[in-house]
N, C-alpha and C. Protein backbone atom coordinates (compact mmCIF):
# COMPACT_ATOMS: atom_id res chain seq x y z
N ASP A 1 37.92 9.24 -11.11
CA ASP A 1 38.50 8.58 -11.50
C ASP A 1 37.95 7.07 -10.89
N SER A 2 37.50 6.17 -12.31
CA SER A 2 36.68 5.46 -11.53
C SER A 2 36.88 4.05 -12.22
N LEU A 3 37.04 2.77 -11.85
CA LEU A 3 36.53 1.62 -12.89
C LEU A 3 35.95 0.93 -13.04
N LEU A 4 35.37 0.76 -14.41
CA LEU A 4 34.14 -0.01 -14.87
C LEU A 4 32.65 0.85 -14.08
N GLY A 5 32.92 1.71 -14.02
CA GLY A 5 32.08 2.79 -13.72
C GLY A 5 31.07 2.60 -11.88
N TYR A 6 32.86 2.30 -11.53
CA TYR A 6 31.85 2.17 -9.91
C TYR A 6 32.35 3.47 -9.30
N GLY A 7 32.43 4.68 -9.93
CA GLY A 7 32.77 5.53 -9.15
C GLY A 7 33.75 5.66 -7.76
N ILE A 8 34.18 5.10 -7.26
CA ILE A 8 35.21 5.07 -6.34
C ILE A 8 36.27 6.23 -6.39
N PRO A 9 36.10 7.14 -5.50
CA PRO A 9 37.40 8.18 -5.76
C PRO A 9 38.74 7.33 -5.56
N ASP A 10 39.62 7.94 -6.13
CA ASP A 10 41.37 7.52 -5.83
C ASP A 10 41.58 8.04 -4.40
N PHE A 11 42.36 7.30 -3.40
CA PHE A 11 43.15 7.52 -2.85
C PHE A 11 44.53 7.19 -2.63
N MET A 12 45.18 7.81 -1.83
CA MET A 12 46.48 7.26 -1.51
C MET A 12 47.00 6.76 -0.46
N ILE A 13 47.33 5.40 -0.95
CA ILE A 13 47.76 4.47 0.67
C ILE A 13 49.29 4.69 0.92
N ALA A 14 50.58 4.83 -0.13
CA ALA A 14 51.62 4.65 0.18
C ALA A 14 52.63 5.54 -0.38
N ASP A 15 53.62 6.05 0.34
CA ASP A 15 54.07 7.24 -0.55
C ASP A 15 55.42 6.40 -1.78
N HIS A 16 55.47 7.23 -2.66
CA HIS A 16 56.41 6.98 -3.36
C HIS A 16 57.58 6.50 -3.29
N LEU A 17 58.44 5.32 -3.67
CA LEU A 17 59.63 5.07 -2.81
C LEU A 17 60.72 5.07 -3.86
N LEU A 18 60.95 4.02 -4.93
CA LEU A 18 61.52 4.06 -6.48
C LEU A 18 60.99 2.85 -6.93
N ALA A 19 61.19 2.92 -8.41
CA ALA A 19 60.95 2.21 -9.50
C ALA A 19 61.57 2.68 -11.08
N GLY A 20 61.77 2.08 -12.13
CA GLY A 20 62.43 1.80 -13.17
C GLY A 20 62.12 1.79 -14.38
N VAL A 21 62.83 2.37 -15.15
CA VAL A 21 62.28 2.31 -16.93
C VAL A 21 63.90 2.19 -17.87
N GLN A 22 63.36 1.66 -18.95
CA GLN A 22 64.51 1.44 -20.08
C GLN A 22 64.31 1.91 -21.52
N GLU A 23 64.08 0.84 -22.81
CA GLU A 23 63.99 1.63 -23.78
C GLU A 23 63.32 0.88 -25.19
N ASN A 24 62.02 0.12 -24.67
CA ASN A 24 61.30 0.01 -25.54
C ASN A 24 60.31 0.59 -25.09
N ASN A 25 59.02 -0.18 -25.73
CA ASN A 25 57.72 0.13 -25.18
C ASN A 25 57.01 -1.26 -24.33
N SER A 26 58.02 -1.81 -23.49
CA SER A 26 57.47 -2.97 -22.66
C SER A 26 58.06 -3.01 -21.60
N PHE A 27 57.35 -3.88 -20.57
CA PHE A 27 58.18 -4.17 -18.71
C PHE A 27 58.95 -5.40 -19.31
N GLN A 28 60.05 -5.33 -18.64
CA GLN A 28 60.94 -6.48 -18.26
C GLN A 28 60.60 -7.42 -17.40
N ASP A 29 60.05 -8.77 -17.91
CA ASP A 29 59.44 -9.94 -16.39
C ASP A 29 60.76 -9.58 -15.07
N ASN A 30 61.91 -9.74 -15.45
CA ASN A 30 63.01 -9.53 -14.63
C ASN A 30 62.84 -8.40 -14.38
N PHE A 31 62.21 -7.05 -14.34
CA PHE A 31 61.89 -6.00 -13.34
C PHE A 31 60.67 -5.52 -12.93
N LEU A 32 59.84 -6.60 -12.74
CA LEU A 32 58.37 -6.43 -12.00
C LEU A 32 58.51 -7.20 -11.12
N ASN A 33 58.84 -7.21 -9.52
CA ASN A 33 58.28 -7.76 -8.75
C ASN A 33 57.64 -6.95 -7.63
N ALA A 34 56.61 -8.31 -6.54
CA ALA A 34 55.94 -7.64 -5.84
C ALA A 34 56.25 -8.12 -4.22
N TYR A 35 56.54 -7.98 -3.28
CA TYR A 35 57.21 -9.17 -1.88
C TYR A 35 56.72 -8.42 -1.16
N PRO A 36 56.72 -8.96 0.29
CA PRO A 36 56.63 -10.14 0.23
C PRO A 36 54.88 -10.57 -0.27
N ASN A 37 54.72 -11.42 -1.05
CA ASN A 37 53.62 -11.69 -1.64
C ASN A 37 53.12 -13.73 -1.63
N PRO A 38 51.96 -13.42 -0.62
CA PRO A 38 51.21 -13.35 0.08
C PRO A 38 51.82 -12.13 0.99
N PHE A 39 51.16 -11.29 1.60
CA PHE A 39 51.42 -10.34 2.71
C PHE A 39 50.67 -10.34 3.67
N LYS A 40 51.20 -9.69 4.94
CA LYS A 40 50.41 -9.33 5.93
C LYS A 40 49.84 -8.01 6.32
N SER A 41 50.78 -6.71 6.56
CA SER A 41 50.56 -5.59 6.78
C SER A 41 51.50 -4.67 5.52
N SER A 42 51.81 -5.11 4.54
CA SER A 42 52.51 -3.99 3.46
C SER A 42 53.06 -4.95 2.34
N VAL A 43 53.19 -4.42 1.34
CA VAL A 43 53.81 -5.27 0.17
C VAL A 43 54.43 -3.97 -0.59
N THR A 44 55.72 -4.30 -1.26
CA THR A 44 56.79 -3.65 -2.40
C THR A 44 56.28 -4.22 -3.70
N ILE A 45 55.86 -2.98 -4.30
CA ILE A 45 56.07 -3.51 -5.56
C ILE A 45 57.33 -2.66 -6.48
N GLU A 46 58.34 -3.10 -7.17
CA GLU A 46 58.89 -2.91 -7.68
C GLU A 46 58.93 -2.94 -9.14
N PHE A 47 59.28 -2.13 -10.12
CA PHE A 47 59.46 -2.36 -11.65
C PHE A 47 60.07 -1.60 -12.34
N THR A 48 60.24 -1.98 -13.22
CA THR A 48 61.09 -1.10 -14.66
C THR A 48 60.22 -1.28 -15.69
N SER A 49 60.79 -0.42 -16.57
CA SER A 49 59.73 -0.05 -17.97
C SER A 49 60.88 0.15 -18.81
N ASP A 50 61.08 0.08 -20.42
CA ASP A 50 61.95 0.29 -21.37
C ASP A 50 62.00 1.21 -22.01
N ILE A 51 60.93 2.37 -21.41
CA ILE A 51 60.79 3.58 -21.75
C ILE A 51 60.56 4.84 -20.74
N SER A 52 60.62 6.31 -21.15
CA SER A 52 60.63 7.19 -19.89
C SER A 52 59.14 7.78 -20.64
N ALA A 53 58.34 7.70 -19.43
CA ALA A 53 57.06 7.64 -19.87
C ALA A 53 55.94 8.17 -18.37
N GLN A 54 54.79 8.97 -18.27
CA GLN A 54 54.12 9.13 -17.50
C GLN A 54 53.65 7.56 -17.01
N THR A 55 53.71 7.12 -15.75
CA THR A 55 53.52 5.80 -15.09
C THR A 55 52.76 5.89 -14.09
N THR A 56 51.70 4.87 -13.87
CA THR A 56 50.89 4.63 -12.96
C THR A 56 51.07 3.32 -12.41
N VAL A 57 51.28 3.02 -10.86
CA VAL A 57 50.59 1.91 -10.32
C VAL A 57 49.49 2.29 -9.44
N GLU A 58 48.01 1.30 -9.83
CA GLU A 58 46.96 1.21 -8.91
C GLU A 58 46.91 -0.06 -8.49
N VAL A 59 45.98 -0.20 -7.78
CA VAL A 59 45.65 -1.75 -6.82
C VAL A 59 44.05 -1.21 -6.88
N TYR A 60 43.48 -2.42 -7.51
CA TYR A 60 42.39 -2.73 -7.42
C TYR A 60 42.13 -4.07 -6.27
N THR A 61 40.20 -4.23 -6.27
CA THR A 61 39.55 -5.68 -5.91
C THR A 61 39.31 -6.07 -7.08
N MET A 62 39.29 -7.67 -6.44
CA MET A 62 38.83 -8.48 -7.74
C MET A 62 37.65 -7.57 -8.24
N GLU A 63 36.99 -7.17 -7.68
CA GLU A 63 35.42 -6.92 -8.36
C GLU A 63 35.64 -5.52 -9.04
N GLY A 64 37.08 -5.22 -9.07
CA GLY A 64 37.51 -3.76 -10.13
C GLY A 64 37.30 -2.29 -9.35
N ARG A 65 36.91 -2.36 -8.31
CA ARG A 65 36.93 -1.12 -7.44
C ARG A 65 38.47 -0.60 -6.68
N LYS A 66 39.01 0.13 -7.66
CA LYS A 66 40.03 0.84 -7.02
C LYS A 66 40.32 0.99 -6.16
N VAL A 67 41.51 0.70 -5.30
CA VAL A 67 41.88 0.74 -3.52
C VAL A 67 43.16 1.69 -3.46
N ALA A 68 43.90 1.74 -4.48
CA ALA A 68 44.58 2.82 -4.00
C ALA A 68 45.35 3.30 -5.55
N THR A 69 46.08 4.35 -5.59
CA THR A 69 46.90 4.75 -6.39
C THR A 69 48.49 4.95 -5.69
N LEU A 70 49.38 3.99 -6.45
CA LEU A 70 50.83 3.85 -5.49
C LEU A 70 51.74 4.93 -6.43
N TRP A 71 51.39 5.10 -7.51
CA TRP A 71 52.54 5.77 -8.39
C TRP A 71 51.34 6.40 -9.12
N ASN A 72 52.13 7.94 -9.58
CA ASN A 72 51.15 8.96 -10.75
C ASN A 72 52.22 9.63 -11.17
N GLY A 73 53.07 9.40 -12.08
CA GLY A 73 54.16 10.41 -12.16
C GLY A 73 55.11 9.85 -13.61
N ALA A 74 56.15 10.71 -14.23
CA ALA A 74 57.18 10.83 -14.57
C ALA A 74 57.75 9.60 -14.38
N THR A 75 58.11 8.75 -14.96
CA THR A 75 59.17 7.93 -14.70
C THR A 75 60.60 7.67 -15.67
N GLU A 76 61.42 7.68 -15.38
CA GLU A 76 62.57 8.44 -16.93
C GLU A 76 63.41 6.93 -16.88
N GLU A 77 63.94 6.57 -17.81
CA GLU A 77 64.51 5.56 -18.23
C GLU A 77 65.94 5.60 -17.81
N GLY A 78 66.31 4.15 -17.10
CA GLY A 78 67.19 3.91 -16.52
C GLY A 78 67.41 3.97 -15.06
N VAL A 79 66.17 4.50 -14.41
CA VAL A 79 66.09 4.81 -12.61
C VAL A 79 65.16 3.84 -12.08
N GLU A 80 65.55 3.22 -11.37
CA GLU A 80 64.91 1.99 -10.70
C GLU A 80 63.83 2.59 -10.47
N TYR A 81 62.49 2.29 -9.37
CA TYR A 81 61.40 2.47 -9.03
C TYR A 81 60.87 1.42 -8.08
N LYS A 82 60.44 1.92 -7.04
CA LYS A 82 59.66 0.80 -5.91
C LYS A 82 58.49 1.56 -5.50
N THR A 83 57.92 1.18 -4.95
CA THR A 83 56.43 1.40 -4.03
C THR A 83 56.08 0.33 -3.06
N GLU A 84 55.04 0.82 -2.33
CA GLU A 84 54.82 0.28 -0.90
C GLU A 84 53.26 0.59 -0.59
N LEU A 85 52.27 -0.63 -0.73
CA LEU A 85 51.25 -1.08 -0.03
C LEU A 85 50.88 -1.18 1.03
N ASN A 86 50.30 -0.19 1.95
CA ASN A 86 50.57 -0.40 3.32
C ASN A 86 48.87 -0.76 2.99
N ALA A 87 48.59 -2.20 3.99
CA ALA A 87 47.48 -2.71 3.92
C ALA A 87 46.26 -2.48 4.82
N ALA A 88 46.50 -1.45 6.00
CA ALA A 88 45.75 -1.21 7.00
C ALA A 88 44.72 -0.38 6.19
N GLY A 89 43.11 -1.03 6.85
CA GLY A 89 42.12 -1.02 6.37
C GLY A 89 41.24 -1.82 5.18
N LEU A 90 42.35 -1.98 4.28
CA LEU A 90 42.03 -3.11 3.46
C LEU A 90 41.45 -4.42 3.70
N ALA A 91 40.51 -5.85 3.38
CA ALA A 91 40.21 -6.48 4.00
C ALA A 91 41.11 -7.41 3.41
N ASP A 92 41.03 -9.09 3.81
CA ASP A 92 42.06 -9.76 3.38
C ASP A 92 41.21 -10.20 1.75
N GLY A 93 42.24 -11.11 1.00
CA GLY A 93 41.86 -11.25 0.04
C GLY A 93 42.53 -11.09 -1.16
N ILE A 94 42.52 -11.03 -2.42
CA ILE A 94 43.41 -11.34 -3.63
C ILE A 94 42.80 -9.91 -4.08
N TYR A 95 43.82 -9.47 -4.53
CA TYR A 95 43.96 -7.80 -5.10
C TYR A 95 44.48 -7.91 -6.72
N THR A 96 44.74 -7.33 -7.34
CA THR A 96 45.35 -6.69 -8.67
C THR A 96 45.87 -5.37 -8.64
N TYR A 97 47.06 -5.63 -9.14
CA TYR A 97 47.76 -4.28 -9.10
C TYR A 97 48.36 -4.37 -11.10
N ARG A 98 48.15 -2.84 -11.14
CA ARG A 98 47.84 -2.42 -12.54
C ARG A 98 49.46 -1.38 -13.18
N ILE A 99 50.56 -1.72 -13.46
CA ILE A 99 51.33 -0.72 -13.76
C ILE A 99 51.01 -0.22 -15.72
N THR A 100 51.00 0.80 -15.67
CA THR A 100 50.62 1.36 -17.16
C THR A 100 51.62 2.54 -16.93
N SER A 101 52.45 2.15 -18.26
CA SER A 101 53.74 3.24 -18.82
C SER A 101 53.76 3.24 -20.28
N GLY A 102 53.45 4.27 -20.02
CA GLY A 102 53.35 4.39 -22.10
C GLY A 102 51.73 3.73 -22.50
N ASP A 103 52.30 3.09 -23.49
CA ASP A 103 50.46 1.98 -24.08
C ASP A 103 51.13 0.94 -23.40
N LYS A 104 52.05 0.38 -22.43
CA LYS A 104 52.17 -0.96 -22.04
C LYS A 104 51.36 -0.90 -20.77
N VAL A 105 50.54 -1.84 -20.46
CA VAL A 105 49.90 -2.18 -19.22
C VAL A 105 50.07 -3.43 -18.69
N ILE A 106 50.45 -3.68 -17.46
CA ILE A 106 50.77 -5.04 -16.87
C ILE A 106 50.11 -5.27 -15.92
N ASN A 107 49.61 -6.31 -15.45
CA ASN A 107 48.10 -6.88 -14.40
C ASN A 107 48.78 -7.67 -13.99
N SER A 108 49.06 -8.11 -12.01
CA SER A 108 49.37 -8.73 -11.42
C SER A 108 48.83 -9.35 -10.54
N LYS A 109 48.90 -10.36 -9.76
CA LYS A 109 48.04 -10.29 -7.85
C LYS A 109 48.80 -10.06 -7.10
N LEU A 110 47.86 -9.94 -6.04
CA LEU A 110 48.57 -9.73 -4.73
C LEU A 110 47.54 -10.38 -3.75
N THR A 111 48.48 -11.13 -2.62
CA THR A 111 47.40 -11.82 -1.87
C THR A 111 47.55 -11.29 -0.35
N LEU A 112 46.54 -10.61 0.05
CA LEU A 112 46.33 -9.93 1.61
C LEU A 112 45.93 -11.25 2.61
N ILE A 113 47.10 -11.62 3.54
CA ILE A 113 46.57 -12.36 4.52
C ILE A 113 46.87 -11.68 6.08
N LYS A 114 45.85 -11.50 6.39
CA LYS A 114 45.77 -10.77 7.81
C LYS A 114 45.87 -11.93 8.99
């Protein structure tokens, strides 16, 4: 997989921890959170979707290069999920994280300050 033809291979930066789902095809604003943000060494991303679906959480540079896949698997309705990005090896700057669940995609920004 690559974004915008960059051809950068996926690699795992953090372990799966926890994250969630419910029952429409949308994310609920109060169930999408990244903290601390800005961050120095790691950031936790929590999310909840309204459906049971195949879900991914990916992190990209502002140039569109994928730097991490934090979650890639099924999520179940009513279960809370959380995952963590370890910033070791990443440069200071702004990153985008993308959560895809079913046909819904949410993008938000993370700021890394070392």
